[in-house]
N, C-alpha and C. Protein backbone atom coordinates (compact mmCIF):
# COMPACT_ATOMS: atom_id res chain seq x y z
N MET A 1 -3.24 66.93 26.09
CA MET A 1 -3.27 65.22 25.95
C MET A 1 -3.76 64.80 27.45
N VAL A 2 -4.43 63.45 27.12
CA VAL A 2 -4.86 62.94 28.67
C VAL A 2 -4.07 62.27 29.41
N GLN A 3 -3.67 62.64 30.78
CA GLN A 3 -2.77 61.74 31.40
C GLN A 3 -3.56 60.27 32.04
N LEU A 4 -2.76 59.25 31.44
CA LEU A 4 -3.32 57.82 31.98
C LEU A 4 -2.77 57.44 33.42
N GLY A 5 -1.99 58.19 33.83
CA GLY A 5 -1.36 57.59 35.19
C GLY A 5 -0.69 56.61 35.08
N VAL A 6 -0.27 56.11 34.25
CA VAL A 6 0.73 54.82 34.06
C VAL A 6 1.67 54.88 33.17
N THR A 7 2.74 54.65 33.52
CA THR A 7 4.29 54.77 32.31
C THR A 7 4.45 53.52 31.81
N GLY A 8 5.17 53.91 30.55
CA GLY A 8 5.46 52.71 30.00
C GLY A 8 6.14 51.56 30.62
N GLN A 9 7.24 52.20 31.36
CA GLN A 9 7.78 51.06 32.08
C GLN A 9 7.21 50.14 33.13
N GLU A 10 5.99 50.89 33.67
CA GLU A 10 5.11 50.08 34.62
C GLU A 10 4.46 48.91 33.60
N VAL A 11 4.20 49.45 32.42
CA VAL A 11 3.10 48.52 31.75
C VAL A 11 3.92 47.33 31.27
N ALA A 12 5.40 47.73 31.17
CA ALA A 12 6.35 46.75 30.72
C ALA A 12 6.52 45.90 31.56
N CYS A 13 6.68 46.07 32.86
CA CYS A 13 6.88 45.19 33.99
C CYS A 13 5.74 44.24 34.57
N GLU A 14 4.61 44.83 34.25
CA GLU A 14 3.40 44.16 34.10
C GLU A 14 3.19 42.93 33.24
N VAL A 15 3.53 43.28 31.99
CA VAL A 15 3.69 42.48 30.94
C VAL A 15 4.74 41.22 31.15
N VAL A 16 5.74 41.57 31.78
CA VAL A 16 6.98 40.64 32.14
C VAL A 16 6.29 39.48 33.18
N VAL A 17 5.85 40.20 33.92
CA VAL A 17 5.25 39.59 35.21
C VAL A 17 3.97 38.49 34.99
N HIS A 18 2.99 39.24 34.17
CA HIS A 18 2.05 38.34 33.37
C HIS A 18 2.43 37.17 32.59
N SER A 19 3.30 37.23 31.82
CA SER A 19 3.74 36.26 31.06
C SER A 19 4.55 35.09 31.81
N ALA A 20 5.21 35.57 33.14
CA ALA A 20 5.85 34.82 33.98
C ALA A 20 5.00 33.76 34.62
N GLN A 21 3.60 34.58 34.92
CA GLN A 21 2.61 33.75 35.74
C GLN A 21 1.70 32.80 34.99
N ARG A 22 1.73 33.08 33.56
CA ARG A 22 1.33 31.96 32.59
C ARG A 22 2.28 30.77 32.35
N SER A 23 3.56 30.96 32.44
CA SER A 23 4.66 29.91 32.53
C SER A 23 4.30 28.99 33.56
N TYR A 24 4.33 29.82 34.96
CA TYR A 24 3.78 29.00 35.90
C TYR A 24 2.54 28.02 35.64
N LYS A 25 1.76 28.55 35.31
CA LYS A 25 0.50 27.92 35.08
C LYS A 25 0.80 26.81 33.94
N ILE A 26 1.45 26.94 33.17
CA ILE A 26 1.82 25.85 31.92
C ILE A 26 2.57 24.49 32.97
N LEU A 27 3.36 24.84 33.79
CA LEU A 27 4.30 24.06 34.42
C LEU A 27 3.38 23.47 35.51
N GLY A 28 2.26 23.63 35.95
CA GLY A 28 1.75 23.02 36.90
C GLY A 28 1.89 23.55 38.20
N ALA A 29 2.95 24.54 38.27
CA ALA A 29 3.17 25.10 39.62
C ALA A 29 2.38 26.36 40.06
N PRO A 30 2.14 26.39 41.40
CA PRO A 30 1.25 27.62 41.74
C PRO A 30 1.64 28.99 41.39
N SER A 31 0.77 29.71 41.07
CA SER A 31 0.89 31.03 40.38
C SER A 31 1.74 32.04 41.38
N PRO A 32 2.42 32.86 40.98
CA PRO A 32 3.20 33.76 41.89
C PRO A 32 2.16 34.71 42.36
N ARG A 33 2.55 35.60 43.39
CA ARG A 33 1.61 36.37 44.19
C ARG A 33 1.27 37.72 43.01
N PRO A 34 0.12 38.33 43.26
CA PRO A 34 -0.02 39.67 42.30
C PRO A 34 1.16 40.56 42.67
N THR A 35 1.53 40.92 41.73
CA THR A 35 2.61 42.22 41.79
C THR A 35 1.99 43.30 41.65
N ALA A 36 2.30 44.40 42.41
CA ALA A 36 1.98 45.70 42.23
C ALA A 36 2.39 46.26 41.48
N PRO A 37 1.89 47.39 40.49
CA PRO A 37 2.62 48.28 39.64
C PRO A 37 3.81 48.87 39.68
N HIS A 38 4.17 49.11 41.26
CA HIS A 38 5.38 50.17 41.37
C HIS A 38 6.53 49.14 41.06
N LEU A 39 6.44 47.89 40.76
CA LEU A 39 7.58 46.91 40.91
C LEU A 39 8.22 47.07 39.29
N CYS A 40 9.25 47.80 39.02
CA CYS A 40 9.65 48.01 37.95
C CYS A 40 11.25 47.62 37.61
N SER A 41 11.94 47.32 38.92
CA SER A 41 13.39 47.05 38.44
C SER A 41 13.25 45.48 37.99
N GLY A 42 14.31 45.07 37.58
CA GLY A 42 14.52 43.64 37.11
C GLY A 42 14.68 42.67 38.39
N GLN A 43 15.29 43.26 39.31
CA GLN A 43 15.70 42.58 40.90
C GLN A 43 14.37 42.36 41.75
N GLU A 44 13.80 43.59 41.58
CA GLU A 44 12.35 43.59 42.42
C GLU A 44 11.40 42.36 41.59
N VAL A 45 11.45 42.45 40.16
CA VAL A 45 10.38 41.56 39.68
C VAL A 45 10.69 40.07 39.95
N ALA A 46 12.19 39.96 39.83
CA ALA A 46 12.66 38.48 39.90
C ALA A 46 12.24 38.19 41.49
N THR A 47 12.56 38.93 42.47
CA THR A 47 12.25 38.63 44.03
C THR A 47 10.84 38.23 43.93
N GLU A 48 9.86 38.78 43.33
CA GLU A 48 8.34 38.75 43.31
C GLU A 48 7.89 37.46 43.05
N LEU A 49 8.72 37.29 41.62
CA LEU A 49 8.44 35.86 40.82
C LEU A 49 9.09 34.47 41.82
N HIS A 50 10.10 34.90 42.31
CA HIS A 50 11.05 33.68 42.90
C HIS A 50 11.05 33.81 44.33
N PRO A 51 9.98 33.85 45.10
CA PRO A 51 10.35 34.31 46.49
C PRO A 51 11.00 32.69 47.26
N PRO A 52 11.51 33.11 48.40
CA PRO A 52 12.40 31.86 49.10
C PRO A 52 11.71 30.90 49.18
N GLY A 53 12.21 29.60 48.75
CA GLY A 53 11.55 28.48 48.85
C GLY A 53 10.65 27.85 47.60
N ARG A 54 10.30 28.91 46.53
CA ARG A 54 9.61 28.70 45.67
C ARG A 54 10.37 27.61 44.34
N GLY A 55 11.76 28.14 44.29
CA GLY A 55 12.64 27.63 43.18
C GLY A 55 12.84 26.24 43.23
N ALA A 56 12.87 25.38 44.50
CA ALA A 56 12.66 24.25 44.48
C ALA A 56 11.53 23.15 43.95
N GLN A 57 10.36 23.84 44.44
CA GLN A 57 9.05 23.45 43.99
C GLN A 57 8.68 23.60 42.25
N THR A 58 9.35 24.87 41.92
CA THR A 58 9.19 24.78 40.46
C THR A 58 10.05 24.16 39.69
N LEU A 59 11.38 23.86 40.11
CA LEU A 59 11.97 22.90 39.47
C LEU A 59 11.55 21.40 39.62
N ALA A 60 10.91 20.84 40.59
CA ALA A 60 10.18 19.71 40.57
C ALA A 60 9.24 19.43 39.68
N GLY A 61 8.31 20.77 39.61
CA GLY A 61 7.54 20.47 38.62
C GLY A 61 7.68 20.57 37.25
N PHE A 62 8.74 21.17 36.89
CA PHE A 62 9.39 21.32 35.55
C PHE A 62 9.96 19.93 35.22
N LEU A 63 10.59 18.99 36.27
CA LEU A 63 11.01 17.76 35.91
C LEU A 63 10.00 17.00 35.75
N VAL A 64 9.08 17.07 36.52
CA VAL A 64 8.02 16.18 36.08
C VAL A 64 7.28 16.19 34.94
N VAL A 65 7.24 17.77 34.21
CA VAL A 65 6.30 17.97 33.13
C VAL A 65 7.47 17.30 32.13
N LEU A 66 8.70 17.60 32.12
CA LEU A 66 9.74 17.27 30.96
C LEU A 66 9.64 15.68 30.85
N PHE A 67 9.67 15.13 32.09
CA PHE A 67 9.81 13.53 32.16
C PHE A 67 8.75 12.87 31.36
N PHE A 68 7.61 13.33 31.79
CA PHE A 68 6.37 12.86 31.16
C PHE A 68 5.86 13.07 29.56
N ASN A 69 6.61 14.32 29.27
CA ASN A 69 6.55 14.74 27.69
C ASN A 69 7.62 14.11 26.98
N ILE A 70 8.50 13.63 27.63
CA ILE A 70 9.65 12.58 26.96
C ILE A 70 8.95 11.29 26.42
N PHE A 71 8.35 10.99 27.65
CA PHE A 71 7.77 9.53 27.18
C PHE A 71 6.63 9.65 26.17
N PHE A 72 5.86 10.85 26.26
CA PHE A 72 4.88 11.03 25.35
C PHE A 72 5.39 11.14 23.98
N TYR A 73 6.31 11.82 23.55
CA TYR A 73 6.86 11.79 22.45
C TYR A 73 7.52 10.71 21.77
N ILE A 74 8.00 9.73 22.97
CA ILE A 74 8.64 8.30 22.39
C ILE A 74 7.41 7.68 22.08
N ALA A 75 6.36 7.55 22.94
CA ALA A 75 5.41 6.57 22.56
C ALA A 75 4.74 7.15 21.10
N LEU A 76 4.75 8.41 21.12
CA LEU A 76 3.74 9.05 19.85
C LEU A 76 4.86 8.49 18.50
N ILE A 77 6.20 8.81 18.74
CA ILE A 77 6.97 8.00 17.47
C ILE A 77 6.84 6.62 17.20
N LEU A 78 6.87 5.92 18.46
CA LEU A 78 6.86 4.34 18.37
C LEU A 78 5.60 4.03 17.61
N LEU A 79 4.49 4.76 17.86
CA LEU A 79 2.95 4.16 17.31
C LEU A 79 3.14 4.73 15.62
N LEU A 80 3.98 5.71 15.58
CA LEU A 80 3.86 5.91 14.02
C LEU A 80 4.56 4.87 13.08
N LEU A 81 5.94 4.64 13.95
CA LEU A 81 6.61 3.75 13.08
C LEU A 81 5.97 2.25 13.00
N TYR A 82 5.21 1.90 14.34
CA TYR A 82 4.38 0.96 14.26
C TYR A 82 3.17 0.64 12.99
N LEU A 83 2.74 2.06 12.86
CA LEU A 83 1.80 1.90 11.56
C LEU A 83 2.16 1.86 10.59
N ILE A 84 3.44 2.45 10.22
CA ILE A 84 4.39 2.41 9.04
C ILE A 84 4.34 0.99 8.94
N PHE A 85 5.18 0.39 9.77
CA PHE A 85 5.56 -1.14 9.60
C PHE A 85 4.31 -2.05 9.33
N LEU A 86 3.23 -1.42 9.86
CA LEU A 86 2.16 -2.48 9.98
C LEU A 86 1.38 -2.32 8.27
N LEU A 87 1.66 -1.46 7.71
CA LEU A 87 1.17 -1.26 6.31
C LEU A 87 2.34 -2.05 5.23
N PHE A 88 3.30 -2.14 5.76
CA PHE A 88 4.50 -3.08 5.12
C PHE A 88 4.10 -4.35 5.12
N SER A 89 3.74 -4.60 6.52
CA SER A 89 3.20 -6.21 6.74
C SER A 89 2.40 -6.87 5.88
N LEU A 90 1.53 -5.99 5.27
CA LEU A 90 0.70 -6.61 4.01
C LEU A 90 1.56 -7.25 2.80
N LEU A 91 2.70 -7.00 2.74
CA LEU A 91 3.59 -7.65 1.92
C LEU A 91 4.65 -8.54 2.10
N LEU A 92 5.09 -8.25 3.32
CA LEU A 92 6.28 -9.18 3.95
C LEU A 92 6.16 -9.14 5.18
N LEU A 93 6.39 -10.74 5.69
CA LEU A 93 6.22 -11.19 6.92
C LEU A 93 7.32 -10.57 8.03
N PRO A 94 8.69 -10.38 7.57
CA PRO A 94 9.44 -9.72 8.39
C PRO A 94 9.05 -8.22 8.99
N TYR A 95 8.36 -7.50 8.27
CA TYR A 95 7.79 -6.22 8.68
C TYR A 95 6.60 -6.59 9.51
N LEU A 96 6.00 -7.54 9.27
CA LEU A 96 4.70 -7.80 10.51
C LEU A 96 5.46 -8.17 11.88
N LEU A 97 6.56 -8.85 11.90
CA LEU A 97 7.32 -9.01 12.96
C LEU A 97 8.19 -7.72 13.88
N LEU A 98 8.75 -7.07 12.74
CA LEU A 98 8.87 -5.81 13.36
C LEU A 98 8.02 -4.80 13.85
N ALA A 99 6.76 -5.13 13.33
CA ALA A 99 5.82 -4.08 13.71
C ALA A 99 5.32 -4.72 15.19
N SER A 100 5.38 -6.02 15.24
CA SER A 100 4.97 -6.40 16.55
C SER A 100 5.95 -6.08 17.74
N PHE A 101 7.14 -5.77 17.42
CA PHE A 101 8.21 -5.63 18.36
C PHE A 101 7.99 -4.17 18.51
N LEU A 102 7.75 -3.30 17.91
CA LEU A 102 7.43 -1.90 17.96
C LEU A 102 6.11 -1.65 18.95
N PHE A 103 5.09 -2.66 18.57
CA PHE A 103 4.03 -2.39 19.33
C PHE A 103 4.38 -2.80 21.01
N LEU A 104 5.29 -3.77 21.22
CA LEU A 104 5.56 -4.14 22.60
C LEU A 104 6.38 -3.07 23.21
N LEU A 105 7.13 -2.43 22.29
CA LEU A 105 7.74 -1.13 22.76
C LEU A 105 6.89 -0.13 23.21
N TYR A 106 6.04 0.09 22.26
CA TYR A 106 4.90 1.00 22.62
C TYR A 106 4.07 1.02 23.98
N LEU A 107 3.67 -0.22 24.17
CA LEU A 107 2.90 -0.37 25.25
C LEU A 107 3.76 -0.38 26.45
N PHE A 108 4.93 -0.56 26.53
CA PHE A 108 5.95 -0.11 27.65
C PHE A 108 5.79 1.28 27.99
N PHE A 109 6.21 2.12 26.69
CA PHE A 109 6.27 3.43 27.26
C PHE A 109 5.05 4.16 27.31
N SER A 110 3.85 3.61 26.88
CA SER A 110 2.47 3.98 26.84
C SER A 110 2.25 3.84 28.47
N PHE A 111 2.60 2.78 28.99
CA PHE A 111 1.94 2.36 30.24
C PHE A 111 2.27 3.73 31.38
N PHE A 112 3.01 4.35 30.84
CA PHE A 112 3.31 5.62 31.77
C PHE A 112 2.18 6.65 31.39
N PHE A 113 1.32 6.40 30.61
CA PHE A 113 0.44 7.33 30.67
C PHE A 113 -0.91 7.16 31.50
N PHE A 114 -0.67 5.75 32.01
CA PHE A 114 -1.72 5.75 33.16
C PHE A 114 -1.17 6.50 34.58
N ILE A 115 -0.15 6.89 34.48
CA ILE A 115 0.39 7.91 35.57
C ILE A 115 0.17 9.51 34.87
N TYR A 116 0.53 9.53 33.68
CA TYR A 116 0.30 10.67 32.99
C TYR A 116 -1.20 11.26 33.06
N LEU A 117 -1.88 10.36 33.01
CA LEU A 117 -3.31 10.83 32.59
C LEU A 117 -3.87 11.70 34.03
N PRO A 118 -3.67 11.67 35.12
CA PRO A 118 -3.98 12.41 36.23
C PRO A 118 -3.26 13.84 36.06
N PHE A 119 -2.12 13.91 35.56
CA PHE A 119 -1.40 15.04 35.61
C PHE A 119 -1.84 15.87 34.39
N SER A 120 -2.63 15.26 33.14
CA SER A 120 -2.73 16.40 32.17
C SER A 120 -3.68 17.30 32.53
N VAL A 121 -4.33 17.10 33.78
CA VAL A 121 -5.17 18.48 34.18
C VAL A 121 -4.40 19.49 34.20
N PHE A 122 -3.06 19.44 34.45
CA PHE A 122 -2.38 20.73 34.46
C PHE A 122 -1.91 21.34 33.19
N PHE A 123 -2.22 20.51 32.15
CA PHE A 123 -1.96 21.00 30.68
C PHE A 123 -3.36 21.87 29.92
N LEU A 124 -4.32 21.99 30.84
CA LEU A 124 -5.51 22.59 30.23
C LEU A 124 -5.31 24.29 30.41
N HIS A 125 -4.20 24.24 29.17
CA HIS A 125 -4.10 25.47 28.76
C HIS A 125 -3.95 25.52 27.18
N LEU A 126 -4.46 26.99 26.64
CA LEU A 126 -4.35 26.98 25.11
C LEU A 126 -3.11 26.48 24.62
N HIS A 127 -1.93 26.56 24.98
CA HIS A 127 -0.52 26.35 24.44
C HIS A 127 -0.42 24.68 24.51
N ASN A 128 -1.13 24.26 25.42
CA ASN A 128 -0.90 22.39 25.49
C ASN A 128 -2.13 21.93 25.30
N PHE A 129 -2.99 22.23 24.37
CA PHE A 129 -4.38 21.60 24.32
C PHE A 129 -4.14 20.50 23.66
N PHE A 130 -3.37 20.43 22.35
CA PHE A 130 -3.14 19.12 21.85
C PHE A 130 -2.45 18.31 22.54
N LEU A 131 -1.58 18.47 23.38
CA LEU A 131 -0.72 17.74 24.20
C LEU A 131 -1.86 16.77 25.32
N SER A 132 -2.73 17.54 25.88
CA SER A 132 -3.60 17.32 26.67
C SER A 132 -4.49 16.03 26.29
N SER A 133 -5.46 16.61 24.97
CA SER A 133 -6.30 15.91 24.44
C SER A 133 -5.75 14.59 23.97
N PHE A 134 -4.35 14.73 23.28
CA PHE A 134 -3.75 13.17 22.65
C PHE A 134 -3.32 12.50 23.31
N SER A 135 -3.12 13.00 24.66
CA SER A 135 -2.28 11.90 25.78
C SER A 135 -3.70 11.21 26.34
N ILE A 136 -4.82 11.70 26.51
CA ILE A 136 -6.22 11.04 26.80
C ILE A 136 -6.12 10.04 25.94
N PHE A 137 -6.25 10.65 24.69
CA PHE A 137 -6.51 9.65 23.53
C PHE A 137 -5.61 8.48 23.42
N LEU A 138 -4.37 8.49 23.94
CA LEU A 138 -3.38 7.66 23.68
C LEU A 138 -3.72 6.55 24.92
N SER A 139 -4.28 7.35 26.07
CA SER A 139 -4.58 6.29 27.14
C SER A 139 -5.46 5.13 26.91
N PHE A 140 -6.71 5.63 26.24
CA PHE A 140 -7.61 5.12 25.80
C PHE A 140 -7.16 3.98 24.63
N PHE A 141 -6.33 4.46 23.77
CA PHE A 141 -6.15 3.51 22.77
C PHE A 141 -5.31 2.35 23.49
N THR A 142 -4.20 2.81 24.68
CA THR A 142 -3.51 1.79 25.08
C THR A 142 -4.51 0.77 26.21
N VAL A 143 -5.52 1.04 26.58
CA VAL A 143 -6.31 0.29 27.34
C VAL A 143 -6.90 -0.79 26.36
N PHE A 144 -7.39 -0.07 25.23
CA PHE A 144 -8.03 -0.93 24.30
C PHE A 144 -7.15 -2.14 23.65
N LEU A 145 -5.75 -1.95 23.54
CA LEU A 145 -4.84 -2.77 22.60
C LEU A 145 -4.46 -3.57 23.96
N LEU A 146 -4.23 -3.16 25.09
CA LEU A 146 -4.23 -4.35 26.26
C LEU A 146 -4.93 -5.27 26.30
N ILE A 147 -6.61 -4.69 26.46
CA ILE A 147 -7.66 -5.73 26.49
C ILE A 147 -7.53 -6.65 24.90
N LEU A 148 -7.10 -5.97 24.13
CA LEU A 148 -7.09 -6.87 22.85
C LEU A 148 -6.14 -8.11 22.86
N SER A 149 -4.94 -7.42 23.39
CA SER A 149 -3.84 -8.25 23.22
C SER A 149 -4.13 -9.42 24.49
N THR A 150 -4.52 -9.08 25.62
CA THR A 150 -4.77 -10.27 26.45
C THR A 150 -5.81 -11.23 26.07
N HIS A 151 -6.69 -11.00 25.12
CA HIS A 151 -7.48 -11.63 24.57
C HIS A 151 -6.68 -12.77 23.56
N PHE A 152 -6.15 -12.55 22.97
CA PHE A 152 -5.22 -13.36 22.06
C PHE A 152 -3.84 -13.96 22.58
N LEU A 153 -3.75 -13.81 24.06
CA LEU A 153 -2.43 -14.30 24.56
C LEU A 153 -2.43 -15.84 24.70
N PRO A 154 -3.70 -16.28 24.95
CA PRO A 154 -3.41 -18.10 25.01
C PRO A 154 -2.67 -18.79 23.70
N SER A 155 -3.20 -17.95 22.83
CA SER A 155 -2.84 -18.45 21.35
C SER A 155 -1.67 -18.15 20.96
N VAL A 156 -1.19 -16.90 21.43
CA VAL A 156 0.26 -16.36 21.42
C VAL A 156 1.39 -17.54 22.02
N LEU A 157 0.97 -18.14 23.19
CA LEU A 157 1.75 -18.57 23.71
C LEU A 157 2.16 -20.08 22.93
N SER A 158 1.42 -20.23 22.02
CA SER A 158 1.47 -21.46 21.12
C SER A 158 2.35 -21.05 20.22
N PHE A 159 3.59 -21.39 20.09
CA PHE A 159 4.30 -20.69 18.67
C PHE A 159 4.04 -21.38 17.46
N GLN A 160 3.27 -22.35 17.36
CA GLN A 160 2.88 -22.85 16.15
C GLN A 160 1.86 -21.76 15.50
N ASN A 161 0.82 -21.27 16.45
CA ASN A 161 -0.11 -20.60 15.69
C ASN A 161 0.43 -18.97 15.97
N LEU A 162 1.64 -18.64 15.96
CA LEU A 162 2.01 -17.20 16.42
C LEU A 162 1.97 -16.33 15.08
N VAL A 163 2.10 -16.64 13.95
CA VAL A 163 2.12 -15.80 12.51
C VAL A 163 0.52 -15.44 12.27
N SER A 164 -0.26 -16.69 12.51
CA SER A 164 -1.59 -16.56 12.14
C SER A 164 -2.43 -15.54 13.25
N VAL A 165 -1.86 -15.44 14.62
CA VAL A 165 -2.34 -14.79 15.52
C VAL A 165 -2.23 -13.57 15.36
N LEU A 166 -0.92 -13.48 14.83
CA LEU A 166 -0.28 -11.81 14.75
C LEU A 166 -1.23 -11.18 13.25
N PHE A 167 -1.36 -12.29 12.20
CA PHE A 167 -2.11 -11.57 11.38
C PHE A 167 -3.54 -10.91 11.52
N LEU A 168 -4.19 -12.03 12.69
CA LEU A 168 -5.60 -11.74 13.11
C LEU A 168 -5.60 -10.70 14.00
N PHE A 169 -4.50 -10.37 14.68
CA PHE A 169 -4.55 -9.43 15.61
C PHE A 169 -4.46 -7.90 14.93
N HIS A 170 -3.61 -7.98 13.92
CA HIS A 170 -3.41 -6.52 12.86
C HIS A 170 -4.48 -6.26 12.27
N TYR A 171 -5.13 -7.37 11.51
CA TYR A 171 -6.27 -7.10 10.74
C TYR A 171 -7.54 -6.84 11.82
N SER A 172 -7.44 -7.34 12.75
CA SER A 172 -8.69 -6.75 14.03
C SER A 172 -8.50 -5.56 14.26
N LEU A 173 -7.25 -5.17 14.00
CA LEU A 173 -6.75 -3.43 14.55
C LEU A 173 -7.16 -2.67 13.56
N TYR A 174 -7.36 -2.93 12.39
CA TYR A 174 -8.07 -2.28 11.13
C TYR A 174 -9.45 -1.78 11.55
N PHE A 175 -10.06 -3.13 11.87
CA PHE A 175 -11.38 -3.15 12.05
C PHE A 175 -12.06 -1.91 13.11
N PHE A 176 -11.06 -1.93 14.02
CA PHE A 176 -11.37 -0.95 15.13
C PHE A 176 -10.87 0.26 15.16
N ILE A 177 -10.55 0.49 13.98
CA ILE A 177 -10.22 2.01 13.64
C ILE A 177 -11.36 2.90 13.87
N LEU A 178 -12.58 2.76 13.66
CA LEU A 178 -13.47 3.60 14.03
C LEU A 178 -14.03 3.88 15.38
N LEU A 179 -13.78 2.78 16.10
CA LEU A 179 -13.90 2.71 17.51
C LEU A 179 -12.66 3.83 17.81
N LEU A 180 -11.75 3.76 17.53
CA LEU A 180 -10.39 4.73 18.00
C LEU A 180 -10.69 6.20 17.82
N VAL A 181 -11.46 6.26 16.50
CA VAL A 181 -11.64 7.83 16.11
C VAL A 181 -12.61 8.41 17.00
N ILE A 182 -13.75 7.22 17.44
CA ILE A 182 -14.81 7.89 18.20
C ILE A 182 -14.19 8.56 19.81
N LEU A 183 -13.66 7.19 20.21
CA LEU A 183 -12.85 7.51 21.55
C LEU A 183 -11.95 8.93 21.46
N PHE A 184 -11.24 9.20 20.50
CA PHE A 184 -10.59 10.45 20.21
C PHE A 184 -11.42 11.58 20.48
N PHE A 185 -12.56 11.72 19.74
CA PHE A 185 -13.36 12.79 19.84
C PHE A 185 -14.01 12.76 21.18
N PHE A 186 -13.98 11.53 21.75
CA PHE A 186 -14.84 11.54 22.98
C PHE A 186 -13.95 12.26 24.04
N SER A 187 -12.65 12.10 23.81
CA SER A 187 -11.32 12.59 24.86
C SER A 187 -11.45 14.04 24.33
N LEU A 188 -11.77 14.59 23.24
CA LEU A 188 -11.62 15.97 22.87
C LEU A 188 -12.97 16.48 23.71
N PHE A 189 -13.97 15.93 23.90
CA PHE A 189 -14.90 16.73 24.65
C PHE A 189 -14.94 16.81 26.18
N ILE A 190 -14.14 15.42 26.51
CA ILE A 190 -13.77 15.76 27.97
C ILE A 190 -12.81 16.79 28.16
N ILE A 191 -11.89 17.00 27.31
CA ILE A 191 -11.00 18.18 27.46
C ILE A 191 -11.78 19.66 27.50
N HIS A 192 -12.56 19.47 26.51
CA HIS A 192 -13.25 20.77 26.49
C HIS A 192 -14.11 21.04 27.90
N VAL A 193 -14.58 20.20 28.30
CA VAL A 193 -15.47 20.24 29.19
C VAL A 193 -14.73 20.54 30.90
N LEU A 194 -13.47 19.99 30.87
CA LEU A 194 -12.95 20.27 31.89
C LEU A 194 -12.03 21.59 31.81
N PHE A 195 -11.85 22.11 30.62
CA PHE A 195 -11.13 23.49 30.23
C PHE A 195 -12.24 24.19 30.74
N PHE A 196 -13.54 24.48 30.36
CA PHE A 196 -14.16 25.32 30.49
C PHE A 196 -14.91 25.38 32.14
N LEU A 197 -14.91 24.32 32.77
CA LEU A 197 -14.97 23.99 34.36
C LEU A 197 -13.76 24.66 35.20
N SER A 198 -12.38 24.43 34.67
CA SER A 198 -11.59 25.13 35.61
C SER A 198 -11.31 26.53 35.27
């Protein structure tokens, strides 16, 4: 039998450390130092992965990621609800007003994606590929909607033309669906380029 010179216990330790290093990479924190093959006890591995002073930095990185993920999913849910009520607005006016209210909430939460976009480079990982690409897509989508809503803002200030402007705004949103799809694939292309350059 050929002697490989590596025990199963050492291989298990390396697997644990490598898995933890990937977790640090996902959280955007600096990766731990390389681990020697002789580190086999749980205490030694824990000391290697959490040297003095690293705990606070890791916790801060985790809180930043958690904060932006919460706003990401809130904005995503609001966007889905907005599109659902937008379909019902073709039949009844109250659904149109409710969709407009959801749209304002979506703009509030998606504003944080202007801060989130620079942090998306930390998510260039296979486990978070969808999160990065869709966050960039939401950023483009938010910029587009802000420009469109600013264009109709003087008419909205007139309460008499509020209903007609809302209908015009939502129907114009249907017209620009193709543009949004193009922006989505363009953001995927940017993600691919950044992923292979990193």
